[in-house]
């Protein structure tokens, strides 16, 4: 029998069904059974982007000024251990993100496109894991990223200020407030997709300041005034061990994202293969920036590498070891990118607020939806700015949050979700690879949390609210 070509109404019905299959599990339904997107998914997680836009978002969520702390992590682990774990983390996170993407694509092809990490956990692992585990730690991670962004912006602004005015009297919390005001303005960008141009600029900036930081380390290392270098791991036996766990948390935090499903949700359907292309673009930037900064910084400063390699660019008398204009350029590039990174991590919080406060039946830019959006987002940024000003020693907490949130979300859960979804038999290599990753990094999560809490306790005597550090 000859094949019968589908009629126009049939084609339209097929296209409608394909579009409906990209809706989120858990949305409300109409009387006809068609799934509806809630306001958070409809207004913030707009599925309009290309794989290139996805690559911009991924790069901004991973390649952040936190990479300037990688020489410090290597100083805690030494050449062999530091470089090996840096490479291992790159391989495991890329693999884990691909697992997440493949799992999301599989469910989308089954008619259930999962747009949020908590939806993914709820649908695959059960409601308990989605509501009481994944959702809370992702929220903590995203809010901590906003606090850290405002704090880093304040610290960077103060560094630029003191370069131009060494005897200046302005306090750190004043610069943090300035950073918070700028963040408040950027927080009003309506959707994740709207950030694509800002995130392209962010991608270019991270390449620039990483190249500048690398060149500066090499310049200082070869200069006549180069600091003495020692590559032994400092501390006693127990101190060295806890230092290794702290370094693992730092490296994991640097590679971490925690918002991969939300980024994939910005892709226009069909989504198959697009996330992988975006990840390839992202990791080309990751490898070129992370390894160049980490290796050059550790080579130049050895075990004296500080929590940000930029701090090593100052001599003991306070003078800058590189041309001041070049140092200012690095700071300005990193400052701009800090805001881009922070706004990206605001998106899951914005999505939750839109879901609770906005009306999906009304236009996104109606007064009914615009006023709650402005108020709620402003409150989140204001609270984050207050926390940043109160506890400018947030670096110790970041290591704890990295161990508590990044390691489970980006190393453990993707492997578990893949195995639960596809159920590979125990005789398959992929089953044991995923199981090994989940078990090993679950253990590192516990050890990293212990090491981070220990460091906080040790540093507690130096803590002071609204400190001018």
Protein backbone atom coordinates (compact mmCIF):
# COMPACT_ATOMS: atom_id res chain seq x y z
CA UNK A 1 0.00 0.00 0.00
CA UNK A 2 1.31 3.42 -0.91
CA UNK A 3 2.21 5.74 1.97
CA UNK A 4 -0.36 8.43 2.64
CA UNK A 5 1.01 11.93 3.26
CA UNK A 6 -0.36 13.55 6.43
CA UNK A 7 -2.91 16.26 5.89
CA UNK A 8 -2.34 19.86 7.03
CA UNK A 9 -4.56 19.45 10.13
CA UNK A 10 -2.64 16.29 11.05
CA UNK A 11 0.69 18.08 10.69
CA UNK A 12 -0.58 20.91 12.87
CA UNK A 13 -1.75 18.43 15.49
CA UNK A 14 1.67 16.73 15.47
CA UNK A 15 3.45 20.07 15.85
CA UNK A 16 1.12 20.97 18.73
CA UNK A 17 1.83 17.67 20.48
CA UNK A 18 5.58 18.15 20.00
CA UNK A 19 5.33 21.62 21.54
CA UNK A 20 3.27 20.31 24.44
CA UNK A 21 5.89 17.63 25.12
CA UNK A 22 8.34 20.34 26.04
CA UNK A 23 6.24 21.55 28.95
CA UNK A 24 7.30 21.00 32.54
CA UNK A 25 6.13 18.05 34.62
CA UNK A 26 4.07 19.28 37.54
CA UNK A 27 2.42 22.22 35.76
CA UNK A 28 -1.28 22.71 36.01
CA UNK A 29 -3.53 21.36 33.29
CA UNK A 30 -6.49 22.69 31.42
CA UNK A 31 -9.78 20.86 30.99
CA UNK A 32 -8.44 19.39 27.76
CA UNK A 33 -5.41 17.98 29.53
CA UNK A 34 -2.88 20.32 27.90
CA UNK A 35 -0.05 21.15 30.26
CA UNK A 36 0.47 24.76 31.27
CA UNK A 37 3.68 26.46 32.31
CA UNK A 38 3.69 28.30 35.62
CA UNK A 39 4.85 31.91 35.78
CA UNK A 40 8.39 30.98 36.81
CA UNK A 41 8.95 28.75 33.82
CA UNK A 42 6.99 30.99 31.46
CA UNK A 43 8.64 34.31 32.36
CA UNK A 44 12.16 33.41 33.61
CA UNK A 45 13.04 30.09 31.97
CA UNK A 46 12.03 31.06 28.46
CA UNK A 47 12.91 28.24 26.05
CA UNK A 48 14.14 30.40 23.19
CA UNK A 49 17.93 30.03 23.17
CA UNK A 50 20.37 28.34 20.80
CA UNK A 51 23.26 26.06 21.78
CA UNK A 52 25.55 29.08 21.50
CA UNK A 53 23.47 31.02 24.03
CA UNK A 54 23.55 27.93 26.24
CA UNK A 55 27.35 27.96 25.99
CA UNK A 56 27.43 31.58 27.14
CA UNK A 57 25.23 30.78 30.16
CA UNK A 58 27.27 27.70 31.05
CA UNK A 59 30.57 29.57 30.83
CA UNK A 60 29.33 32.38 33.05
CA UNK A 61 27.97 29.91 35.63
CA UNK A 62 31.33 28.08 35.88
CA UNK A 63 34.18 30.38 34.81
CA UNK A 64 34.07 33.08 37.47
CA UNK A 65 36.67 35.14 39.39
CA UNK A 66 36.77 32.26 41.89
CA UNK A 67 39.27 30.67 39.49
CA UNK A 68 41.83 33.15 40.85
CA UNK A 69 41.91 30.99 44.01
CA UNK A 70 43.19 27.91 42.16
CA UNK A 71 46.90 28.60 42.87
CA UNK A 72 45.96 28.59 46.57
CA UNK A 73 44.33 25.16 46.12
CA UNK A 74 47.43 23.81 44.41
CA UNK A 75 49.54 25.15 47.28
CA UNK A 76 47.54 22.89 49.64
CA UNK A 77 48.03 19.79 47.46
CA UNK A 78 51.38 20.25 45.70
CA UNK A 79 52.19 19.88 42.02
CA UNK A 80 51.20 16.24 41.52
CA UNK A 81 48.07 16.19 43.68
CA UNK A 82 46.89 19.65 42.68
CA UNK A 83 47.20 19.26 38.93
CA UNK A 84 45.84 15.70 39.07
CA UNK A 85 42.70 16.73 40.99
CA UNK A 86 42.26 19.80 38.79
CA UNK A 87 42.21 17.48 35.77
CA UNK A 88 40.04 14.89 37.51
CA UNK A 89 37.48 17.53 38.49
CA UNK A 90 37.36 18.77 34.88
CA UNK A 91 36.72 15.27 33.54
CA UNK A 92 34.17 14.31 36.21
CA UNK A 93 32.16 17.56 36.02
CA UNK A 94 32.05 17.49 32.21
CA UNK A 95 30.95 13.85 32.36
CA UNK A 96 28.37 14.62 35.07
CA UNK A 97 26.93 17.55 33.15
CA UNK A 98 26.63 15.37 30.05
CA UNK A 99 24.81 12.75 32.15
CA UNK A 100 22.37 15.41 33.37
CA UNK A 101 21.82 16.65 29.83
CA UNK A 102 21.25 13.16 28.39
CA UNK A 103 18.82 12.36 31.21
CA UNK A 104 16.89 15.58 30.60
CA UNK A 105 16.80 14.89 26.83
CA UNK A 106 15.49 11.38 27.45
CA UNK A 107 12.58 12.63 29.54
CA UNK A 108 11.85 15.40 27.02
CA UNK A 109 11.58 12.78 24.28
CA UNK A 110 9.15 10.88 26.50
CA UNK A 111 6.95 13.98 26.65
CA UNK A 112 8.13 15.29 30.03
CA UNK A 113 10.53 18.18 29.68
CA UNK A 114 11.92 18.91 33.16
CA UNK A 115 12.88 22.56 33.48
CA UNK A 116 14.29 22.76 37.02
CA UNK A 117 16.67 20.76 39.16
CA UNK A 118 14.01 20.24 41.82
CA UNK A 119 11.52 19.02 39.18
CA UNK A 120 14.14 16.59 37.93
CA UNK A 121 14.81 15.26 41.44
CA UNK A 122 11.08 15.05 42.20
CA UNK A 123 10.27 13.14 39.00
CA UNK A 124 13.27 10.76 39.06
CA UNK A 125 14.13 10.31 42.74
CA UNK A 126 10.85 11.13 44.43
CA UNK A 127 9.13 14.11 46.03
CA UNK A 128 11.21 13.94 49.23
CA UNK A 129 14.50 14.40 47.37
CA UNK A 130 13.16 17.19 45.22
CA UNK A 131 11.49 19.18 48.00
CA UNK A 132 13.73 18.59 51.01
CA UNK A 133 17.18 17.99 49.54
CA UNK A 134 17.83 19.34 46.04
CA UNK A 135 15.64 22.45 46.29
CA UNK A 136 17.10 23.71 49.63
CA UNK A 137 20.77 23.13 48.78
CA UNK A 138 20.34 24.71 45.35
CA UNK A 139 18.71 27.75 46.94
CA UNK A 140 21.53 28.03 49.48
CA UNK A 141 24.09 27.73 46.69
CA UNK A 142 22.45 30.39 44.51
CA UNK A 143 21.95 32.84 47.37
CA UNK A 144 25.53 32.29 48.55
CA UNK A 145 26.75 33.03 45.02
CA UNK A 146 24.88 36.34 45.09
CA UNK A 147 26.33 37.23 48.51
CA UNK A 148 29.82 36.26 47.37
CA UNK A 149 29.40 38.28 44.18
CA UNK A 150 28.40 41.44 46.03
CA UNK A 151 31.25 40.92 48.50
CA UNK A 152 33.84 40.35 45.77
CA UNK A 153 32.56 43.40 43.93
CA UNK A 154 33.02 45.46 47.09
CA UNK A 155 36.52 44.10 47.70
CA UNK A 156 37.51 44.79 44.09
CA UNK A 157 36.10 48.32 44.19
CA UNK A 158 38.03 48.99 47.39
CA UNK A 159 41.26 47.65 45.84
CA UNK A 160 40.86 49.98 42.86
CA UNK A 161 40.07 52.88 45.21
CA UNK A 162 43.16 52.29 47.36
CA UNK A 163 45.39 52.07 44.31
CA UNK A 164 44.34 55.56 43.34
CA UNK A 165 44.04 56.90 46.87
CA UNK A 166 46.25 54.92 49.30
CA UNK A 167 45.28 57.08 52.26
CA UNK A 168 41.54 56.82 51.55
CA UNK A 169 39.19 56.43 54.50
CA UNK A 170 36.21 54.67 52.87
CA UNK A 171 35.25 51.38 54.51
CA UNK A 172 34.69 48.04 52.82
CA UNK A 173 30.98 47.95 53.64
CA UNK A 174 30.51 51.22 51.71
CA UNK A 175 31.90 49.59 48.57
CA UNK A 176 29.75 46.54 49.21
CA UNK A 177 26.69 48.81 49.23
CA UNK A 178 27.78 50.32 45.89
CA UNK A 179 28.11 46.79 44.51
CA UNK A 180 24.69 45.90 45.86
CA UNK A 181 23.10 48.90 44.13
CA UNK A 182 24.55 47.86 40.78
CA UNK A 183 23.41 44.30 41.40
CA UNK A 184 19.90 45.52 42.24
CA UNK A 185 19.67 47.20 38.83
CA UNK A 186 20.92 44.14 36.93
CA UNK A 187 18.59 41.89 38.93
CA UNK A 188 15.64 43.40 37.08
CA UNK A 189 16.67 41.77 33.78
CA UNK A 190 13.44 39.86 33.13
CA UNK A 191 14.56 36.39 32.02
CA UNK A 192 17.49 34.01 31.75
CA UNK A 193 17.36 34.27 27.97
CA UNK A 194 17.68 38.07 28.23
CA UNK A 195 21.17 37.60 29.71
CA UNK A 196 22.65 36.01 26.58
CA UNK A 197 24.41 39.19 25.40
CA UNK A 198 25.72 40.01 28.89
CA UNK A 199 27.00 36.44 29.19
CA UNK A 200 28.83 36.70 25.86
CA UNK A 201 30.62 39.73 27.28
CA UNK A 202 31.26 37.71 30.44
CA UNK A 203 32.87 34.93 28.38
CA UNK A 204 35.23 37.41 26.72
CA UNK A 205 36.07 39.08 30.03
CA UNK A 206 36.99 35.83 31.78
CA UNK A 207 39.38 35.04 28.94
CA UNK A 208 40.91 38.50 29.25
CA UNK A 209 41.45 38.67 33.00
CA UNK A 210 42.67 35.07 33.12
CA UNK A 211 45.24 35.85 30.42
CA UNK A 212 46.25 39.01 32.28
CA UNK A 213 46.58 37.15 35.60
CA UNK A 214 48.65 34.42 33.93
CA UNK A 215 50.92 36.96 32.23
CA UNK A 216 51.32 38.84 35.52
CA UNK A 217 52.35 35.69 37.41
CA UNK A 218 54.91 34.83 34.75
CA UNK A 219 56.20 38.41 34.74
CA UNK A 220 56.61 38.47 38.52
CA UNK A 221 58.15 34.98 38.56
CA UNK A 222 60.85 36.05 36.10
CA UNK A 223 61.45 39.50 37.59
CA UNK A 224 64.48 40.40 39.70
CA UNK A 225 62.20 41.02 42.69
CA UNK A 226 60.47 37.65 42.42
CA UNK A 227 59.47 36.26 45.84
CA UNK A 228 61.26 33.11 47.04
CA UNK A 229 59.37 29.99 46.01
CA UNK A 230 58.88 26.82 48.01
CA UNK A 231 56.66 24.01 46.75
CA UNK A 232 56.48 21.87 49.87
CA UNK A 233 53.01 21.51 51.42
CA UNK A 234 52.90 23.65 54.58
CA UNK A 235 51.64 22.49 57.98
CA UNK A 236 51.77 19.40 60.16
CA UNK A 237 50.41 15.98 59.28
CA UNK A 238 46.82 16.72 60.38
CA UNK A 239 47.01 20.26 59.03
CA UNK A 240 48.18 18.99 55.65
CA UNK A 241 45.32 16.50 55.50
CA UNK A 242 42.66 19.10 56.28
CA UNK A 243 44.38 21.43 53.81
CA UNK A 244 43.91 18.83 51.08
CA UNK A 245 40.18 18.56 51.84
CA UNK A 246 39.88 22.35 51.83
CA UNK A 247 41.61 22.45 48.44
CA UNK A 248 39.21 19.82 47.11
CA UNK A 249 36.29 22.00 48.22
CA UNK A 250 37.86 25.07 46.56
CA UNK A 251 38.44 23.26 43.25
CA UNK A 252 34.98 21.66 43.31
CA UNK A 253 33.40 25.05 43.98
CA UNK A 254 35.33 26.57 41.08
CA UNK A 255 34.09 23.89 38.67
CA UNK A 256 30.59 23.82 40.11
CA UNK A 257 27.43 25.13 38.54
CA UNK A 258 24.39 23.70 40.31
CA UNK A 259 21.97 25.15 37.75
CA UNK A 260 22.53 22.89 34.70
CA UNK A 261 18.81 21.93 34.29
CA UNK A 262 17.76 25.60 34.44
CA UNK A 263 20.32 26.46 31.76
CA UNK A 264 19.15 23.60 29.55
CA UNK A 265 15.59 24.86 30.05
CA UNK A 266 16.51 28.04 28.13
CA UNK A 267 17.08 26.00 24.93
CA UNK A 268 14.45 26.17 22.23
CA UNK A 269 13.04 22.75 21.30
CA UNK A 270 14.12 20.33 20.03
CA UNK A 271 16.91 20.24 22.62
CA UNK A 272 18.75 17.07 21.54
CA UNK A 273 22.50 17.62 21.18
CA UNK A 274 22.43 21.36 21.88
CA UNK A 275 23.57 21.13 25.49
CA UNK A 276 26.58 19.00 24.52
CA UNK A 277 27.71 21.67 22.06
CA UNK A 278 27.28 24.33 24.71
CA UNK A 279 29.31 22.25 27.19
CA UNK A 280 32.11 21.82 24.64
CA UNK A 281 32.29 25.60 24.19
CA UNK A 282 32.21 26.11 27.95
CA UNK A 283 34.95 23.59 28.72
CA UNK A 284 37.22 24.97 26.02
CA UNK A 285 37.14 28.19 28.06
CA UNK A 286 37.37 26.28 31.37
CA UNK A 287 40.52 24.39 30.41
CA UNK A 288 42.28 27.43 28.94
CA UNK A 289 41.57 29.64 31.95
CA UNK A 290 41.68 27.29 34.94
CA UNK A 291 44.92 25.54 34.09
CA UNK A 292 46.78 28.64 32.94
CA UNK A 293 45.92 30.63 36.10
CA UNK A 294 46.44 27.70 38.49
CA UNK A 295 49.80 26.54 37.11
CA UNK A 296 51.31 29.99 36.51
CA UNK A 297 50.19 31.27 39.91
CA UNK A 298 51.51 28.27 41.82
CA UNK A 299 54.76 28.35 39.84
CA UNK A 300 55.28 32.05 40.64
CA UNK A 301 54.36 32.02 44.34
CA UNK A 302 54.63 28.41 45.52
CA UNK A 303 53.06 27.59 48.86
CA UNK A 304 52.73 31.33 49.57
CA UNK A 305 49.88 31.58 47.03
CA UNK A 306 47.02 33.40 48.72
CA UNK A 307 43.27 32.86 48.49
CA UNK A 308 43.23 35.16 45.46
CA UNK A 309 46.34 35.26 43.30
CA UNK A 310 45.80 39.01 42.87
CA UNK A 311 46.83 39.45 46.52
CA UNK A 312 50.24 38.03 45.61
CA UNK A 313 50.77 40.87 43.15
CA UNK A 314 51.61 43.19 46.06
CA UNK A 315 55.07 43.45 47.62
CA UNK A 316 55.54 43.49 51.40
CA UNK A 317 55.71 47.30 51.34
CA UNK A 318 52.31 47.53 49.61
CA UNK A 319 53.61 48.40 46.14
CA UNK A 320 52.26 46.54 43.11
CA UNK A 321 54.71 44.14 41.46
CA UNK A 322 53.21 44.75 38.00
CA UNK A 323 52.37 48.03 36.25
CA UNK A 324 49.53 49.68 38.15
CA UNK A 325 47.47 50.27 35.01
CA UNK A 326 47.69 46.56 34.17
CA UNK A 327 46.60 45.60 37.69
CA UNK A 328 43.68 48.02 37.44
CA UNK A 329 42.66 46.43 34.13
CA UNK A 330 42.55 42.95 35.67
CA UNK A 331 40.39 44.22 38.52
CA UNK A 332 37.98 46.05 36.24
CA UNK A 333 37.56 43.02 33.95
CA UNK A 334 36.91 40.72 36.91
CA UNK A 335 34.57 43.28 38.51
CA UNK A 336 32.30 43.41 35.48
CA UNK A 337 32.23 39.63 35.22
CA UNK A 338 31.37 39.29 38.90
CA UNK A 339 28.06 41.03 38.23
CA UNK A 340 27.30 38.79 35.25
CA UNK A 341 27.97 35.65 37.31
CA UNK A 342 25.84 36.87 40.21
CA UNK A 343 22.89 37.72 37.97
CA UNK A 344 23.03 34.24 36.44
CA UNK A 345 22.80 32.68 39.90
CA UNK A 346 19.86 34.93 40.71
CA UNK A 347 17.76 33.23 38.05
CA UNK A 348 16.64 30.13 40.02
CA UNK A 349 15.63 32.42 42.89
CA UNK A 350 13.84 34.74 40.45
CA UNK A 351 12.05 31.75 38.97
CA UNK A 352 10.75 30.66 42.40
CA UNK A 353 9.58 34.21 43.18
CA UNK A 354 7.83 34.55 39.82
CA UNK A 355 6.12 31.21 40.34
CA UNK A 356 4.79 32.35 43.73
CA UNK A 357 3.95 35.99 42.99
CA UNK A 358 3.17 36.36 39.28
CA UNK A 359 0.04 35.53 37.30
CA UNK A 360 0.81 33.45 34.18
CA UNK A 361 -2.55 34.48 32.69
CA UNK A 362 -1.43 38.11 32.57
CA UNK A 363 1.29 39.62 30.36
CA UNK A 364 4.81 39.45 31.74
CA UNK A 365 5.12 43.24 31.66
CA UNK A 366 1.69 44.06 33.08
CA UNK A 367 1.67 46.08 36.30
CA UNK A 368 0.23 43.02 38.06
CA UNK A 369 3.46 41.15 37.36
CA UNK A 370 6.08 43.91 37.12
CA UNK A 371 5.51 45.43 40.57
CA UNK A 372 5.86 42.13 42.55
CA UNK A 373 8.89 41.27 40.41
CA UNK A 374 10.72 44.51 41.17
CA UNK A 375 9.91 44.37 44.89
CA UNK A 376 10.81 40.71 45.42
CA UNK A 377 14.06 40.82 43.47
CA UNK A 378 15.10 44.03 45.21
CA UNK A 379 14.51 42.43 48.61
CA UNK A 380 16.66 39.41 47.71
CA UNK A 381 19.56 41.60 46.57
CA UNK A 382 19.20 43.91 49.60
CA UNK A 383 19.36 40.96 52.01
CA UNK A 384 22.36 39.54 50.14
CA UNK A 385 24.13 42.91 50.33
CA UNK A 386 23.45 43.15 54.07
CA UNK A 387 24.88 39.66 54.64
CA UNK A 388 27.97 40.49 52.55
CA UNK A 389 28.58 43.69 54.54
CA UNK A 390 28.06 41.95 57.88
CA UNK A 391 30.36 38.99 57.24
CA UNK A 392 33.10 40.00 54.78
CA UNK A 393 35.03 36.87 55.81
CA UNK A 394 32.60 34.95 53.59
CA UNK A 395 35.46 33.03 51.95
CA UNK A 396 35.46 30.43 54.73
CA UNK A 397 31.73 29.89 54.30
CA UNK A 398 32.14 29.51 50.53
CA UNK A 399 34.38 26.49 51.07
CA UNK A 400 31.70 24.97 53.32
CA UNK A 401 28.94 25.71 50.81
CA UNK A 402 31.06 24.23 48.04
CA UNK A 403 31.43 20.98 49.97
CA UNK A 404 27.80 20.95 51.14
CA UNK A 405 26.10 21.94 47.87
CA UNK A 406 28.42 21.79 44.85
CA UNK A 407 29.82 18.30 45.42
CA UNK A 408 26.36 16.65 45.74
CA UNK A 409 24.64 18.64 42.98
CA UNK A 410 27.38 18.41 40.37
CA UNK A 411 29.25 15.22 41.20
CA UNK A 412 26.92 12.81 43.02
CA UNK A 413 23.31 13.41 41.93
CA UNK A 414 23.89 13.34 38.11
CA UNK A 415 25.37 9.84 38.31
CA UNK A 416 22.53 8.64 40.54
CA UNK A 417 19.84 10.17 38.30
CA UNK A 418 21.33 8.58 35.19
CA UNK A 419 21.43 5.13 36.80
CA UNK A 420 17.88 5.45 38.11
CA UNK A 421 16.55 6.67 34.73
CA UNK A 422 18.32 4.26 32.37
CA UNK A 423 18.94 1.40 34.82
CA UNK A 424 22.15 0.12 33.17
CA UNK A 425 22.85 -3.50 34.19
CA UNK A 426 25.59 -4.13 36.75
CA UNK A 427 27.73 -5.80 34.08
CA UNK A 428 28.01 -2.51 32.18
CA UNK A 429 31.04 -0.28 32.79
CA UNK A 430 28.89 2.87 32.97
CA UNK A 431 27.01 1.50 35.98
CA UNK A 432 30.21 1.07 37.97
CA UNK A 433 31.71 4.36 36.79
CA UNK A 434 28.61 6.23 37.96
CA UNK A 435 28.40 4.29 41.21
CA UNK A 436 32.07 4.93 41.95
CA UNK A 437 31.69 8.67 41.30
CA UNK A 438 28.62 8.83 43.57
CA UNK A 439 30.28 6.94 46.43
CA UNK A 440 33.69 8.66 46.26
CA UNK A 441 32.30 12.18 46.03
CA UNK A 442 29.73 11.50 48.75
CA UNK A 443 32.67 10.70 51.00
CA UNK A 444 34.50 13.83 49.86
CA UNK A 445 31.36 15.85 50.63
CA UNK A 446 31.46 14.74 54.25
CA UNK A 447 35.22 15.25 54.59
CA UNK A 448 35.07 18.63 52.86
CA UNK A 449 32.33 19.82 55.21
CA UNK A 450 34.38 18.73 58.24
CA UNK A 451 37.50 20.49 56.96
CA UNK A 452 35.58 23.67 56.15
CA UNK A 453 33.88 23.78 59.57
CA UNK A 454 37.27 23.25 61.22
CA UNK A 455 38.71 26.19 59.28
CA UNK A 456 35.79 28.40 60.29
CA UNK A 457 36.34 27.50 63.95
CA UNK A 458 40.06 28.26 63.67
CA UNK A 459 39.38 31.63 62.06
CA UNK A 460 36.46 32.55 64.34
CA UNK A 461 38.69 34.65 66.63
CA UNK A 462 39.36 37.01 63.71
CA UNK A 463 35.68 37.50 62.81
CA UNK A 464 34.04 40.86 63.32
CA UNK A 465 30.74 42.08 61.91
CA UNK A 466 31.11 44.81 59.28
CA UNK A 467 34.90 44.34 59.42
CA UNK A 468 36.95 46.60 57.16
CA UNK A 469 39.16 43.83 55.74
